[in-house]
């Protein structure tokens, strides 16, 4: 048998001779084929941006939204299999709720890219985790705890032949008085890392390059939201994906610790800034030719 998938990609519980788990790699490929989502920490919070592709002119505006509230201080942005993400979001909500019930304070936020149904499933998991934590401990769940809990859930789906891995990667972010802004990313294998800025989806490399140019540690959420919008517009492929809807959310001092969608007027201002910046760059390139 060839080790290039053949015979070794029928189950997530099977390793190839060179130590690869093809089912997990296929799940990661699903994430790479989805629309782009980014999350960036700044000195007073976290900002999320999602490129929601509009596949049909008949869609109602705002349908198939990819940013969800997991808890009062936790949100989720998704791309790909929305049903799966919703399921995981529900688990995270329950964790947050149980944490608040047991400890008396809140749990933090999340963004997901990948298969849309998987993204919804993950969203449900995250919501359930957050809800359970609040119920048990009486306060919001810490972001590190939530990221670890949902990551373990995702990892469990890479261990058995009877299930398939989730086709999602997700970004978790929050802000509280004790820990300040926090940001984590979990991939389909269940690995979790902390970040200042990260990107997932088809244009993640281009987005990471733009994120690295920012002085995010010195920026506020109000300043950063414009840069997030600009990055989404820069990495959007107008040839392959002509129509898209920009979704923006934030959590931090500007929202008093609550995860909220960016207000319409600020979002429109950010989009105008992004479009104007791109036009200026195009004009500059033409002048240099």
C-alpha atoms as a PDB file:
ATOM      1  CA  UNK A   1       0.000   0.000   0.000  1.00  0.00           C
ATOM      2  CA  UNK A   2       1.067   3.533  -0.654  1.00  0.00           C
ATOM      3  CA  UNK A   3       1.550   5.734   2.399  1.00  0.00           C
ATOM      4  CA  UNK A   4       0.091   8.712   0.520  1.00  0.00           C
ATOM      5  CA  UNK A   5      -3.393   8.362   1.961  1.00  0.00           C
ATOM      6  CA  UNK A   6      -4.374   5.057   0.304  1.00  0.00           C
ATOM      7  CA  UNK A   7      -5.556   2.615   2.938  1.00  0.00           C
ATOM      8  CA  UNK A   8      -4.463   4.858   5.807  1.00  0.00           C
ATOM      9  CA  UNK A   9      -7.093   7.595   5.491  1.00  0.00           C
ATOM     10  CA  UNK A  10     -10.189   5.523   6.246  1.00  0.00           C
ATOM     11  CA  UNK A  11     -10.129   6.206   9.979  1.00  0.00           C
ATOM     12  CA  UNK A  12      -8.921   8.925  12.330  1.00  0.00           C
ATOM     13  CA  UNK A  13      -7.534   6.151  14.552  1.00  0.00           C
ATOM     14  CA  UNK A  14      -5.046   4.930  11.905  1.00  0.00           C
ATOM     15  CA  UNK A  15      -1.471   6.181  11.508  1.00  0.00           C
ATOM     16  CA  UNK A  16       0.343   5.955   8.176  1.00  0.00           C
ATOM     17  CA  UNK A  17       3.848   4.383   8.112  1.00  0.00           C
ATOM     18  CA  UNK A  18       5.372   7.876   8.199  1.00  0.00           C
ATOM     19  CA  UNK A  19       3.384   8.846  11.305  1.00  0.00           C
ATOM     20  CA  UNK A  20       0.603  10.906   9.738  1.00  0.00           C
ATOM     21  CA  UNK A  21      -3.114  10.900  10.549  1.00  0.00           C
ATOM     22  CA  UNK A  22      -4.696  11.719   7.203  1.00  0.00           C
ATOM     23  CA  UNK A  23      -8.207  12.288   8.541  1.00  0.00           C
ATOM     24  CA  UNK A  24      -6.867  15.155  10.681  1.00  0.00           C
ATOM     25  CA  UNK A  25      -4.920  16.540   7.720  1.00  0.00           C
ATOM     26  CA  UNK A  26      -8.080  16.458   5.609  1.00  0.00           C
ATOM     27  CA  UNK A  27      -9.905  18.390   8.338  1.00  0.00           C
ATOM     28  CA  UNK A  28      -7.137  21.000   8.265  1.00  0.00           C
ATOM     29  CA  UNK A  29      -7.528  21.196   4.485  1.00  0.00           C
ATOM     30  CA  UNK A  30     -11.220  22.002   4.992  1.00  0.00           C
ATOM     31  CA  UNK A  31     -10.152  24.929   7.189  1.00  0.00           C
ATOM     32  CA  UNK A  32      -7.670  26.110   4.555  1.00  0.00           C
ATOM     33  CA  UNK A  33     -10.447  26.166   1.950  1.00  0.00           C
ATOM     34  CA  UNK A  34     -12.783  28.308   4.051  1.00  0.00           C
ATOM     35  CA  UNK A  35     -13.131  32.073   4.357  1.00  0.00           C
ATOM     36  CA  UNK A  36     -10.652  33.978   6.503  1.00  0.00           C
ATOM     37  CA  UNK A  37     -11.056  34.841  10.189  1.00  0.00           C
ATOM     38  CA  UNK A  38      -8.575  36.790  12.315  1.00  0.00           C
ATOM     39  CA  UNK A  39      -8.211  37.693  15.971  1.00  0.00           C
ATOM     40  CA  UNK A  40      -5.824  40.290  17.407  1.00  0.00           C
ATOM     41  CA  UNK A  41      -5.028  41.324  20.987  1.00  0.00           C
ATOM     42  CA  UNK A  42      -4.305  44.931  21.850  1.00  0.00           C
ATOM     43  CA  UNK A  43      -3.599  46.731  25.103  1.00  0.00           C
ATOM     44  CA  UNK A  44      -7.260  47.054  26.100  1.00  0.00           C
ATOM     45  CA  UNK A  45      -9.027  44.118  24.459  1.00  0.00           C
ATOM     46  CA  UNK A  46      -9.440  41.722  21.534  1.00  0.00           C
ATOM     47  CA  UNK A  47     -10.876  42.405  18.059  1.00  0.00           C
ATOM     48  CA  UNK A  48     -12.210  39.768  15.651  1.00  0.00           C
ATOM     49  CA  UNK A  49     -12.791  40.072  11.922  1.00  0.00           C
ATOM     50  CA  UNK A  50     -14.407  37.545   9.571  1.00  0.00           C
ATOM     51  CA  UNK A  51     -14.672  37.502   5.788  1.00  0.00           C
ATOM     52  CA  UNK A  52     -18.147  35.979   5.317  1.00  0.00           C
ATOM     53  CA  UNK A  53     -18.446  34.986   1.672  1.00  0.00           C
ATOM     54  CA  UNK A  54     -21.847  35.629   0.083  1.00  0.00           C
ATOM     55  CA  UNK A  55     -22.462  32.622  -2.163  1.00  0.00           C
ATOM     56  CA  UNK A  56     -25.855  33.736  -3.463  1.00  0.00           C
ATOM     57  CA  UNK A  57     -27.475  37.099  -4.179  1.00  0.00           C
ATOM     58  CA  UNK A  58     -30.691  35.624  -2.768  1.00  0.00           C
ATOM     59  CA  UNK A  59     -29.282  35.356   0.757  1.00  0.00           C
ATOM     60  CA  UNK A  60     -30.863  37.660   3.302  1.00  0.00           C
ATOM     61  CA  UNK A  61     -28.369  40.141   4.726  1.00  0.00           C
ATOM     62  CA  UNK A  62     -26.960  38.872   7.998  1.00  0.00           C
ATOM     63  CA  UNK A  63     -27.919  35.235   7.352  1.00  0.00           C
ATOM     64  CA  UNK A  64     -25.467  32.456   8.205  1.00  0.00           C
ATOM     65  CA  UNK A  65     -23.645  34.779  10.578  1.00  0.00           C
ATOM     66  CA  UNK A  66     -20.213  33.615  11.619  1.00  0.00           C
ATOM     67  CA  UNK A  67     -19.855  35.503  14.889  1.00  0.00           C
ATOM     68  CA  UNK A  68     -21.766  34.230  17.929  1.00  0.00           C
ATOM     69  CA  UNK A  69     -21.978  35.083  21.613  1.00  0.00           C
ATOM     70  CA  UNK A  70     -20.777  32.194  23.751  1.00  0.00           C
ATOM     71  CA  UNK A  71     -21.109  34.031  27.054  1.00  0.00           C
ATOM     72  CA  UNK A  72     -21.594  37.671  28.061  1.00  0.00           C
ATOM     73  CA  UNK A  73     -17.838  38.191  27.706  1.00  0.00           C
ATOM     74  CA  UNK A  74     -17.229  35.445  25.096  1.00  0.00           C
ATOM     75  CA  UNK A  75     -17.885  35.437  21.339  1.00  0.00           C
ATOM     76  CA  UNK A  76     -17.298  33.094  18.423  1.00  0.00           C
ATOM     77  CA  UNK A  77     -16.538  33.677  14.728  1.00  0.00           C
ATOM     78  CA  UNK A  78     -16.834  30.738  12.338  1.00  0.00           C
ATOM     79  CA  UNK A  79     -16.225  29.628   8.751  1.00  0.00           C
ATOM     80  CA  UNK A  80     -17.032  26.276   7.157  1.00  0.00           C
ATOM     81  CA  UNK A  81     -19.472  23.653   8.461  1.00  0.00           C
ATOM     82  CA  UNK A  82     -21.626  25.906  10.604  1.00  0.00           C
ATOM     83  CA  UNK A  83     -23.601  23.073  12.243  1.00  0.00           C
ATOM     84  CA  UNK A  84     -20.487  21.540  13.839  1.00  0.00           C
ATOM     85  CA  UNK A  85     -19.340  24.902  15.138  1.00  0.00           C
ATOM     86  CA  UNK A  86     -22.739  25.549  16.714  1.00  0.00           C
ATOM     87  CA  UNK A  87     -22.555  22.250  18.556  1.00  0.00           C
ATOM     88  CA  UNK A  88     -19.146  23.064  20.023  1.00  0.00           C
ATOM     89  CA  UNK A  89     -20.279  26.598  20.847  1.00  0.00           C
ATOM     90  CA  UNK A  90     -23.119  25.126  22.903  1.00  0.00           C
ATOM     91  CA  UNK A  91     -20.649  22.999  24.865  1.00  0.00           C
ATOM     92  CA  UNK A  92     -18.552  26.102  25.519  1.00  0.00           C
ATOM     93  CA  UNK A  93     -21.642  28.021  26.666  1.00  0.00           C
ATOM     94  CA  UNK A  94     -22.475  25.293  29.144  1.00  0.00           C
ATOM     95  CA  UNK A  95     -18.902  25.335  30.451  1.00  0.00           C
ATOM     96  CA  UNK A  96     -19.091  29.110  30.915  1.00  0.00           C
ATOM     97  CA  UNK A  97     -22.432  28.848  32.686  1.00  0.00           C
ATOM     98  CA  UNK A  98     -21.190  26.118  35.019  1.00  0.00           C
ATOM     99  CA  UNK A  99     -18.036  28.124  35.774  1.00  0.00           C
ATOM    100  CA  UNK A 100     -20.087  31.163  36.807  1.00  0.00           C
ATOM    101  CA  UNK A 101     -22.399  29.045  38.952  1.00  0.00           C
ATOM    102  CA  UNK A 102     -19.478  27.397  40.756  1.00  0.00           C
ATOM    103  CA  UNK A 103     -17.024  30.311  41.045  1.00  0.00           C
ATOM    104  CA  UNK A 104     -19.137  33.455  40.737  1.00  0.00           C
ATOM    105  CA  UNK A 105     -17.500  35.037  37.673  1.00  0.00           C
ATOM    106  CA  UNK A 106     -17.406  34.783  33.856  1.00  0.00           C
ATOM    107  CA  UNK A 107     -15.751  32.721  31.007  1.00  0.00           C
ATOM    108  CA  UNK A 108     -14.041  34.303  27.806  1.00  0.00           C
ATOM    109  CA  UNK A 109     -14.380  34.289  23.743  1.00  0.00           C
ATOM    110  CA  UNK A 110     -13.921  32.335  20.419  1.00  0.00           C
ATOM    111  CA  UNK A 111     -13.603  32.527  16.597  1.00  0.00           C
ATOM    112  CA  UNK A 112     -13.759  29.560  14.255  1.00  0.00           C
ATOM    113  CA  UNK A 113     -12.822  28.859  10.622  1.00  0.00           C
ATOM    114  CA  UNK A 114     -13.486  25.648   8.721  1.00  0.00           C
ATOM    115  CA  UNK A 115     -16.500  23.656   7.603  1.00  0.00           C
ATOM    116  CA  UNK A 116     -19.625  25.619   8.503  1.00  0.00           C
ATOM    117  CA  UNK A 117     -21.522  22.695  10.044  1.00  0.00           C
ATOM    118  CA  UNK A 118     -18.455  21.778  12.114  1.00  0.00           C
ATOM    119  CA  UNK A 119     -18.138  25.406  13.202  1.00  0.00           C
ATOM    120  CA  UNK A 120     -21.695  25.448  14.531  1.00  0.00           C
ATOM    121  CA  UNK A 121     -21.083  22.188  16.396  1.00  0.00           C
ATOM    122  CA  UNK A 122     -17.952  23.639  18.010  1.00  0.00           C
ATOM    123  CA  UNK A 123     -19.881  26.760  18.958  1.00  0.00           C
ATOM    124  CA  UNK A 124     -22.447  24.642  20.801  1.00  0.00           C
ATOM    125  CA  UNK A 125     -19.671  22.809  22.653  1.00  0.00           C
ATOM    126  CA  UNK A 126     -18.084  26.108  23.707  1.00  0.00           C
ATOM    127  CA  UNK A 127     -21.410  27.486  24.932  1.00  0.00           C
ATOM    128  CA  UNK A 128     -22.114  24.334  26.923  1.00  0.00           C
ATOM    129  CA  UNK A 129     -18.665  24.461  28.521  1.00  0.00           C
ATOM    130  CA  UNK A 130     -19.136  28.106  29.517  1.00  0.00           C
ATOM    131  CA  UNK A 131     -22.635  27.452  30.845  1.00  0.00           C
ATOM    132  CA  UNK A 132     -21.557  24.442  32.932  1.00  0.00           C
ATOM    133  CA  UNK A 133     -18.655  26.346  34.456  1.00  0.00           C
ATOM    134  CA  UNK A 134     -20.902  29.217  35.530  1.00  0.00           C
ATOM    135  CA  UNK A 135     -23.481  26.821  36.984  1.00  0.00           C
ATOM    136  CA  UNK A 136     -20.858  24.999  39.045  1.00  0.00           C
ATOM    137  CA  UNK A 137     -18.619  27.838  40.201  1.00  0.00           C
ATOM    138  CA  UNK A 138     -20.715  31.017  40.074  1.00  0.00           C
ATOM    139  CA  UNK A 139     -18.444  33.121  37.857  1.00  0.00           C
ATOM    140  CA  UNK A 140     -17.173  33.319  34.304  1.00  0.00           C
ATOM    141  CA  UNK A 141     -14.798  30.662  33.053  1.00  0.00           C
ATOM    142  CA  UNK A 142     -11.146  31.696  32.478  1.00  0.00           C
ATOM    143  CA  UNK A 143     -10.172  31.695  28.802  1.00  0.00           C
ATOM    144  CA  UNK A 144      -7.309  29.225  29.281  1.00  0.00           C
ATOM    145  CA  UNK A 145      -9.701  26.798  30.959  1.00  0.00           C
ATOM    146  CA  UNK A 146     -12.285  27.157  28.189  1.00  0.00           C
ATOM    147  CA  UNK A 147      -9.677  26.746  25.439  1.00  0.00           C
ATOM    148  CA  UNK A 148      -8.308  23.604  27.093  1.00  0.00           C
ATOM    149  CA  UNK A 149     -11.764  22.099  27.640  1.00  0.00           C
ATOM    150  CA  UNK A 150     -12.950  22.628  24.068  1.00  0.00           C
ATOM    151  CA  UNK A 151      -9.546  21.543  22.704  1.00  0.00           C
ATOM    152  CA  UNK A 152      -9.880  18.242  24.585  1.00  0.00           C
ATOM    153  CA  UNK A 153     -13.338  17.778  23.075  1.00  0.00           C
ATOM    154  CA  UNK A 154     -11.952  18.418  19.582  1.00  0.00           C
ATOM    155  CA  UNK A 155      -9.027  16.059  20.214  1.00  0.00           C
ATOM    156  CA  UNK A 156     -11.391  13.254  21.279  1.00  0.00           C
ATOM    157  CA  UNK A 157     -12.816  13.263  17.753  1.00  0.00           C
ATOM    158  CA  UNK A 158      -9.398  12.332  16.350  1.00  0.00           C
ATOM    159  CA  UNK A 159      -9.117   9.135  18.422  1.00  0.00           C
ATOM    160  CA  UNK A 160     -11.939   6.863  17.266  1.00  0.00           C
ATOM    161  CA  UNK A 161     -12.886   5.289  13.939  1.00  0.00           C
ATOM    162  CA  UNK A 162     -16.606   5.828  14.583  1.00  0.00           C
ATOM    163  CA  UNK A 163     -16.311   9.637  14.394  1.00  0.00           C
ATOM    164  CA  UNK A 164     -14.636  12.181  12.133  1.00  0.00           C
ATOM    165  CA  UNK A 165     -12.458  15.150  13.147  1.00  0.00           C
ATOM    166  CA  UNK A 166     -14.075  18.585  13.235  1.00  0.00           C
ATOM    167  CA  UNK A 167     -13.437  20.607  10.087  1.00  0.00           C
ATOM    168  CA  UNK A 168     -12.775  23.757  12.122  1.00  0.00           C
ATOM    169  CA  UNK A 169     -10.045  25.825  13.671  1.00  0.00           C
ATOM    170  CA  UNK A 170     -11.147  28.444  16.170  1.00  0.00           C
ATOM    171  CA  UNK A 171      -9.827  31.507  17.935  1.00  0.00           C
ATOM    172  CA  UNK A 172     -10.766  32.271  21.529  1.00  0.00           C
ATOM    173  CA  UNK A 173     -10.355  35.730  23.033  1.00  0.00           C
ATOM    174  CA  UNK A 174     -11.432  37.587  26.159  1.00  0.00           C
ATOM    175  CA  UNK A 175     -10.682  40.486  28.473  1.00  0.00           C
ATOM    176  CA  UNK A 176     -10.992  40.662  32.252  1.00  0.00           C
ATOM    177  CA  UNK A 177      -9.618  42.734  35.117  1.00  0.00           C
ATOM    178  CA  UNK A 178      -7.285  39.987  36.359  1.00  0.00           C
ATOM    179  CA  UNK A 179      -5.698  38.706  33.134  1.00  0.00           C
ATOM    180  CA  UNK A 180      -6.400  41.522  30.684  1.00  0.00           C
ATOM    181  CA  UNK A 181      -6.810  40.562  27.002  1.00  0.00           C
ATOM    182  CA  UNK A 182      -6.199  36.921  26.058  1.00  0.00           C
ATOM    183  CA  UNK A 183      -6.231  35.070  22.740  1.00  0.00           C
ATOM    184  CA  UNK A 184      -6.025  31.335  21.962  1.00  0.00           C
ATOM    185  CA  UNK A 185      -6.281  29.269  18.787  1.00  0.00           C
ATOM    186  CA  UNK A 186      -7.233  25.580  18.531  1.00  0.00           C
ATOM    187  CA  UNK A 187      -6.811  23.499  15.351  1.00  0.00           C
ATOM    188  CA  UNK A 188      -8.628  20.282  14.247  1.00  0.00           C
ATOM    189  CA  UNK A 189      -6.054  18.106  16.025  1.00  0.00           C
ATOM    190  CA  UNK A 190      -6.989  19.677  19.368  1.00  0.00           C
ATOM    191  CA  UNK A 191      -3.744  21.621  19.889  1.00  0.00           C
ATOM    192  CA  UNK A 192      -4.158  24.967  21.688  1.00  0.00           C
ATOM    193  CA  UNK A 193      -1.769  27.938  21.582  1.00  0.00           C
ATOM    194  CA  UNK A 194      -1.836  31.476  22.979  1.00  0.00           C
ATOM    195  CA  UNK A 195      -1.315  34.392  20.562  1.00  0.00           C
ATOM    196  CA  UNK A 196      -1.133  38.176  20.224  1.00  0.00           C
ATOM    197  CA  UNK A 197      -2.567  37.821  16.743  1.00  0.00           C
ATOM    198  CA  UNK A 198      -3.561  34.882  14.551  1.00  0.00           C
ATOM    199  CA  UNK A 199      -5.423  34.039  11.347  1.00  0.00           C
ATOM    200  CA  UNK A 200      -7.251  30.973  10.043  1.00  0.00           C
ATOM    201  CA  UNK A 201      -8.821  30.153   6.699  1.00  0.00           C
ATOM    202  CA  UNK A 202      -7.748  30.314   3.067  1.00  0.00           C
ATOM    203  CA  UNK A 203      -5.771  33.572   3.323  1.00  0.00           C
ATOM    204  CA  UNK A 204      -4.163  32.952   6.713  1.00  0.00           C
ATOM    205  CA  UNK A 205      -0.571  33.426   5.494  1.00  0.00           C
ATOM    206  CA  UNK A 206      -1.307  36.776   3.868  1.00  0.00           C
ATOM    207  CA  UNK A 207      -3.273  37.857   6.938  1.00  0.00           C
ATOM    208  CA  UNK A 208      -0.448  36.839   9.296  1.00  0.00           C
ATOM    209  CA  UNK A 209       1.984  38.921   7.244  1.00  0.00           C
ATOM    210  CA  UNK A 210      -0.258  41.981   7.665  1.00  0.00           C
ATOM    211  CA  UNK A 211      -0.807  41.298  11.383  1.00  0.00           C
ATOM    212  CA  UNK A 212       2.954  41.178  11.976  1.00  0.00           C
ATOM    213  CA  UNK A 213       3.226  44.759  10.679  1.00  0.00           C
ATOM    214  CA  UNK A 214       0.983  46.089  13.462  1.00  0.00           C
ATOM    215  CA  UNK A 215       2.136  47.498  16.799  1.00  0.00           C
ATOM    216  CA  UNK A 216      -0.840  45.856  18.499  1.00  0.00           C
ATOM    217  CA  UNK A 217       0.618  46.097  22.014  1.00  0.00           C
ATOM    218  CA  UNK A 218       0.388  49.901  21.774  1.00  0.00           C
ATOM    219  CA  UNK A 219      -3.024  50.055  20.075  1.00  0.00           C
ATOM    220  CA  UNK A 220      -6.553  50.348  21.463  1.00  0.00           C
ATOM    221  CA  UNK A 221      -9.601  48.422  20.251  1.00  0.00           C
ATOM    222  CA  UNK A 222     -10.951  51.532  18.501  1.00  0.00           C
ATOM    223  CA  UNK A 223      -7.688  51.890  16.575  1.00  0.00           C
ATOM    224  CA  UNK A 224      -7.321  48.182  15.915  1.00  0.00           C
ATOM    225  CA  UNK A 225     -10.810  47.634  14.487  1.00  0.00           C
ATOM    226  CA  UNK A 226      -9.841  49.749  11.449  1.00  0.00           C
ATOM    227  CA  UNK A 227      -6.714  47.687  10.887  1.00  0.00           C
ATOM    228  CA  UNK A 228      -8.659  44.417  11.208  1.00  0.00           C
ATOM    229  CA  UNK A 229     -11.115  45.604   8.557  1.00  0.00           C
ATOM    230  CA  UNK A 230      -8.211  46.656   6.336  1.00  0.00           C
ATOM    231  CA  UNK A 231      -6.562  43.231   6.647  1.00  0.00           C
ATOM    232  CA  UNK A 232      -9.768  41.420   5.675  1.00  0.00           C
ATOM    233  CA  UNK A 233     -10.111  43.644   2.600  1.00  0.00           C
ATOM    234  CA  UNK A 234      -6.443  43.136   1.675  1.00  0.00           C
ATOM    235  CA  UNK A 235      -6.574  39.326   1.818  1.00  0.00           C
ATOM    236  CA  UNK A 236      -9.972  39.011   0.098  1.00  0.00           C
ATOM    237  CA  UNK A 237      -9.613  37.411  -3.344  1.00  0.00           C
ATOM    238  CA  UNK A 238     -11.801  39.490  -5.658  1.00  0.00           C
ATOM    239  CA  UNK A 239     -11.243  37.120  -8.587  1.00  0.00           C
ATOM    240  CA  UNK A 240     -12.424  33.907  -6.905  1.00  0.00           C
ATOM    241  CA  UNK A 241     -14.701  35.356  -4.204  1.00  0.00           C
ATOM    242  CA  UNK A 242     -16.270  38.565  -5.465  1.00  0.00           C
ATOM    243  CA  UNK A 243     -18.954  39.184  -2.833  1.00  0.00           C
ATOM    244  CA  UNK A 244     -18.368  39.097   0.918  1.00  0.00           C
ATOM    245  CA  UNK A 245     -19.755  40.581   4.103  1.00  0.00           C
ATOM    246  CA  UNK A 246     -17.403  41.862   6.793  1.00  0.00           C
ATOM    247  CA  UNK A 247     -18.224  40.827  10.354  1.00  0.00           C
ATOM    248  CA  UNK A 248     -16.496  42.566  13.270  1.00  0.00           C
ATOM    249  CA  UNK A 249     -16.740  42.030  17.014  1.00  0.00           C
ATOM    250  CA  UNK A 250     -14.728  43.057  20.055  1.00  0.00           C
ATOM    251  CA  UNK A 251     -14.378  42.558  23.786  1.00  0.00           C
ATOM    252  CA  UNK A 252     -12.425  44.813  26.136  1.00  0.00           C
ATOM    253  CA  UNK A 253     -12.507  48.056  28.075  1.00  0.00           C
ATOM    254  CA  UNK A 254     -14.490  49.739  25.294  1.00  0.00           C
ATOM    255  CA  UNK A 255     -17.340  47.245  25.900  1.00  0.00           C
ATOM    256  CA  UNK A 256     -16.832  47.025  29.684  1.00  0.00           C
ATOM    257  CA  UNK A 257     -15.699  43.425  29.355  1.00  0.00           C
ATOM    258  CA  UNK A 258     -18.652  42.215  27.289  1.00  0.00           C
ATOM    259  CA  UNK A 259     -18.346  40.616  23.871  1.00  0.00           C
ATOM    260  CA  UNK A 260     -20.312  42.666  21.350  1.00  0.00           C
ATOM    261  CA  UNK A 261     -20.577  43.203  17.632  1.00  0.00           C
ATOM    262  CA  UNK A 262     -18.840  46.408  16.586  1.00  0.00           C
ATOM    263  CA  UNK A 263     -21.499  49.187  16.342  1.00  0.00           C
ATOM    264  CA  UNK A 264     -22.741  49.906  12.825  1.00  0.00           C
ATOM    265  CA  UNK A 265     -21.303  53.437  12.633  1.00  0.00           C
ATOM    266  CA  UNK A 266     -17.845  52.308  13.765  1.00  0.00           C
ATOM    267  CA  UNK A 267     -17.967  49.337  11.387  1.00  0.00           C
ATOM    268  CA  UNK A 268     -18.869  51.593   8.449  1.00  0.00           C
ATOM    269  CA  UNK A 269     -16.041  53.954   9.392  1.00  0.00           C
ATOM    270  CA  UNK A 270     -13.621  51.001   9.541  1.00  0.00           C
ATOM    271  CA  UNK A 271     -14.763  49.731   6.134  1.00  0.00           C
ATOM    272  CA  UNK A 272     -14.351  53.206   4.614  1.00  0.00           C
ATOM    273  CA  UNK A 273     -10.846  53.408   6.087  1.00  0.00           C
ATOM    274  CA  UNK A 274     -10.012  49.979   4.627  1.00  0.00           C
ATOM    275  CA  UNK A 275     -11.295  50.848   1.149  1.00  0.00           C
ATOM    276  CA  UNK A 276      -9.580  54.255   1.126  1.00  0.00           C
ATOM    277  CA  UNK A 277      -6.294  52.682   2.233  1.00  0.00           C
ATOM    278  CA  UNK A 278      -6.446  50.118  -0.571  1.00  0.00           C
ATOM    279  CA  UNK A 279      -7.187  52.834  -3.143  1.00  0.00           C
ATOM    280  CA  UNK A 280      -4.234  54.894  -1.905  1.00  0.00           C
ATOM    281  CA  UNK A 281      -1.947  51.874  -2.182  1.00  0.00           C
ATOM    282  CA  UNK A 282      -3.194  51.152  -5.717  1.00  0.00           C
ATOM    283  CA  UNK A 283      -2.625  54.791  -6.757  1.00  0.00           C
ATOM    284  CA  UNK A 284       0.857  54.703  -5.241  1.00  0.00           C
ATOM    285  CA  UNK A 285       1.698  51.518  -7.155  1.00  0.00           C
ATOM    286  CA  UNK A 286       0.520  53.086 -10.424  1.00  0.00           C
ATOM    287  CA  UNK A 287       2.637  56.200  -9.820  1.00  0.00           C
ATOM    288  CA  UNK A 288       5.726  54.063  -9.245  1.00  0.00           C
ATOM    289  CA  UNK A 289       5.287  52.175 -12.519  1.00  0.00           C
END
